[in-house]
N, C-alpha and C. Protein backbone atom coordinates (compact mmCIF):
# COMPACT_ATOMS: atom_id res chain seq x y z
N UNK A 1 32.10 -2.66 105.49
CA UNK A 1 31.87 -2.52 104.06
C UNK A 1 31.11 -1.22 103.74
N UNK A 2 30.13 -0.88 104.58
CA UNK A 2 29.36 0.34 104.34
C UNK A 2 30.26 1.58 104.48
N UNK A 3 31.21 1.55 105.41
CA UNK A 3 32.14 2.67 105.57
C UNK A 3 33.00 2.83 104.33
N UNK A 4 33.39 1.73 103.74
CA UNK A 4 34.20 1.78 102.52
C UNK A 4 33.39 2.42 101.39
N UNK A 5 32.13 2.08 101.29
CA UNK A 5 31.28 2.66 100.26
C UNK A 5 31.12 4.16 100.47
N UNK A 6 30.91 4.58 101.71
CA UNK A 6 30.80 6.00 102.01
C UNK A 6 32.08 6.75 101.69
N UNK A 7 33.21 6.16 102.02
CA UNK A 7 34.51 6.77 101.72
C UNK A 7 34.71 6.86 100.22
N UNK A 8 34.42 5.78 99.52
CA UNK A 8 34.58 5.78 98.06
C UNK A 8 33.67 6.84 97.42
N UNK A 9 32.47 6.97 97.93
CA UNK A 9 31.54 7.97 97.39
C UNK A 9 32.08 9.38 97.62
N UNK A 10 32.61 9.65 98.81
CA UNK A 10 33.16 10.97 99.10
C UNK A 10 34.37 11.27 98.22
N UNK A 11 35.21 10.27 98.02
CA UNK A 11 36.39 10.45 97.16
C UNK A 11 35.94 10.73 95.73
N UNK A 12 34.98 9.97 95.25
CA UNK A 12 34.47 10.17 93.89
C UNK A 12 33.90 11.57 93.72
N UNK A 13 33.11 12.03 94.68
CA UNK A 13 32.54 13.38 94.60
C UNK A 13 33.63 14.44 94.61
N UNK A 14 34.66 14.24 95.42
CA UNK A 14 35.76 15.20 95.48
C UNK A 14 36.52 15.25 94.16
N UNK A 15 36.77 14.10 93.58
CA UNK A 15 37.47 14.05 92.28
C UNK A 15 36.61 14.70 91.20
N UNK A 16 35.32 14.40 91.18
CA UNK A 16 34.42 14.99 90.19
C UNK A 16 34.36 16.51 90.35
N UNK A 17 34.30 16.99 91.60
CA UNK A 17 34.27 18.43 91.86
C UNK A 17 35.55 19.08 91.33
N UNK A 18 36.69 18.46 91.58
CA UNK A 18 37.98 19.00 91.14
C UNK A 18 38.06 19.04 89.61
N UNK A 19 37.71 17.94 88.97
CA UNK A 19 37.79 17.87 87.50
C UNK A 19 36.85 18.90 86.88
N UNK A 20 35.64 19.03 87.40
CA UNK A 20 34.71 20.03 86.86
C UNK A 20 35.26 21.44 87.03
N UNK A 21 35.92 21.70 88.12
CA UNK A 21 36.51 23.02 88.33
C UNK A 21 37.67 23.29 87.40
N UNK A 22 38.53 22.31 87.22
CA UNK A 22 39.71 22.47 86.36
C UNK A 22 39.31 22.62 84.90
N UNK A 23 38.33 21.85 84.46
CA UNK A 23 37.92 21.89 83.06
C UNK A 23 36.96 23.03 82.75
N UNK A 24 36.44 23.69 83.78
CA UNK A 24 35.53 24.80 83.56
C UNK A 24 34.07 24.41 83.46
N UNK A 25 33.77 23.15 83.69
CA UNK A 25 32.39 22.69 83.57
C UNK A 25 31.47 23.35 84.59
N UNK A 26 32.01 23.82 85.69
CA UNK A 26 31.18 24.41 86.74
C UNK A 26 30.96 25.92 86.53
N UNK A 27 31.53 26.50 85.51
CA UNK A 27 31.43 27.95 85.33
C UNK A 27 30.00 28.42 85.14
N UNK A 28 29.22 27.71 84.34
CA UNK A 28 27.84 28.14 84.11
C UNK A 28 27.02 28.02 85.38
N UNK A 29 27.20 26.95 86.13
CA UNK A 29 26.48 26.79 87.41
C UNK A 29 26.88 27.90 88.38
N UNK A 30 28.16 28.25 88.40
CA UNK A 30 28.63 29.34 89.26
C UNK A 30 28.01 30.67 88.82
N UNK A 31 27.92 30.87 87.51
CA UNK A 31 27.29 32.08 86.98
C UNK A 31 25.83 32.16 87.40
N UNK A 32 25.11 31.06 87.29
CA UNK A 32 23.70 31.06 87.68
C UNK A 32 23.53 31.36 89.16
N UNK A 33 24.38 30.78 89.99
CA UNK A 33 24.32 31.04 91.43
C UNK A 33 24.59 32.52 91.71
N UNK A 34 25.56 33.08 91.03
CA UNK A 34 25.88 34.51 91.19
C UNK A 34 24.70 35.38 90.77
N UNK A 35 24.11 35.08 89.63
CA UNK A 35 22.98 35.86 89.15
C UNK A 35 21.80 35.79 90.11
N UNK A 36 21.52 34.60 90.65
CA UNK A 36 20.41 34.46 91.60
C UNK A 36 20.66 35.27 92.87
N UNK A 37 21.91 35.26 93.33
CA UNK A 37 22.25 35.94 94.58
C UNK A 37 22.37 37.45 94.41
N UNK A 38 23.08 37.88 93.38
CA UNK A 38 23.40 39.30 93.23
C UNK A 38 22.45 40.08 92.33
N UNK A 39 21.83 39.40 91.37
CA UNK A 39 20.99 40.09 90.39
C UNK A 39 19.68 39.32 90.18
N UNK A 40 18.87 39.18 91.22
CA UNK A 40 17.65 38.37 91.09
C UNK A 40 16.64 38.95 90.11
N UNK A 41 16.75 40.23 89.78
CA UNK A 41 15.81 40.86 88.85
C UNK A 41 16.18 40.60 87.39
N UNK A 42 17.37 40.12 87.12
CA UNK A 42 17.82 39.87 85.74
C UNK A 42 17.47 38.46 85.29
N UNK A 43 17.21 38.34 84.01
CA UNK A 43 17.03 37.01 83.42
C UNK A 43 18.42 36.53 83.02
N UNK A 44 18.86 35.39 83.55
CA UNK A 44 20.22 34.92 83.23
C UNK A 44 20.32 34.46 81.77
N UNK A 45 21.54 34.49 81.27
CA UNK A 45 21.80 33.98 79.93
C UNK A 45 21.53 32.49 79.88
N UNK A 46 21.17 32.01 78.71
CA UNK A 46 21.09 30.56 78.53
C UNK A 46 22.51 30.02 78.57
N UNK A 47 22.64 28.72 78.70
CA UNK A 47 23.99 28.15 78.73
C UNK A 47 24.73 28.44 77.43
N UNK A 48 24.03 28.34 76.34
CA UNK A 48 24.66 28.62 75.04
C UNK A 48 25.12 30.08 74.96
N UNK A 49 24.27 31.02 75.38
CA UNK A 49 24.63 32.43 75.38
C UNK A 49 25.81 32.70 76.32
N UNK A 50 25.80 32.04 77.47
CA UNK A 50 26.88 32.22 78.43
C UNK A 50 28.22 31.82 77.82
N UNK A 51 28.27 30.63 77.22
CA UNK A 51 29.54 30.17 76.66
C UNK A 51 29.96 31.02 75.47
N UNK A 52 29.01 31.48 74.67
CA UNK A 52 29.34 32.35 73.55
C UNK A 52 29.98 33.64 74.06
N UNK A 53 29.40 34.24 75.09
CA UNK A 53 29.96 35.47 75.67
C UNK A 53 31.31 35.20 76.34
N UNK A 54 31.42 34.07 76.99
CA UNK A 54 32.67 33.70 77.66
C UNK A 54 33.82 33.58 76.65
N UNK A 55 33.57 32.88 75.55
CA UNK A 55 34.62 32.71 74.54
C UNK A 55 34.90 34.01 73.80
N UNK A 56 33.88 34.84 73.60
CA UNK A 56 34.10 36.14 72.96
C UNK A 56 35.01 37.01 73.84
N UNK A 57 34.79 36.96 75.15
CA UNK A 57 35.64 37.71 76.08
C UNK A 57 37.08 37.20 76.04
N UNK A 58 37.24 35.89 75.97
CA UNK A 58 38.59 35.32 75.89
C UNK A 58 39.29 35.74 74.60
N UNK A 59 38.55 35.76 73.49
CA UNK A 59 39.14 36.18 72.22
C UNK A 59 39.50 37.66 72.24
N UNK A 60 38.69 38.47 72.92
CA UNK A 60 38.95 39.90 72.99
C UNK A 60 40.16 40.22 73.87
N UNK A 61 40.44 39.36 74.84
CA UNK A 61 41.56 39.59 75.77
C UNK A 61 42.35 38.30 75.94
N UNK A 62 43.12 37.91 74.92
CA UNK A 62 43.83 36.61 74.98
C UNK A 62 44.89 36.53 76.07
N UNK A 63 45.33 37.65 76.60
CA UNK A 63 46.32 37.63 77.67
C UNK A 63 45.75 37.14 78.99
N UNK A 64 44.43 37.05 79.07
CA UNK A 64 43.78 36.65 80.32
C UNK A 64 43.71 35.13 80.48
N UNK A 65 44.14 34.39 79.49
CA UNK A 65 44.10 32.93 79.63
C UNK A 65 45.50 32.36 79.55
N UNK A 66 45.64 31.14 79.97
CA UNK A 66 46.98 30.56 80.08
C UNK A 66 47.53 30.09 78.74
N UNK A 67 46.68 29.67 77.82
CA UNK A 67 47.18 29.04 76.59
C UNK A 67 46.65 29.69 75.34
């Protein structure tokens, strides 16, 4: 029974990871990790600022997105 729980937990985490990646929910976390690693001297954007800049970039270059 414990093995089933561990397997179910791993499957759930894998599905959650996939859905977050597909929907873009992980983009801000990825941005923060990048900023910490590559630009530790910079103050990162807030989540709100990040998404505002992200959508502004998409609007400026609509050919870069699928829909």
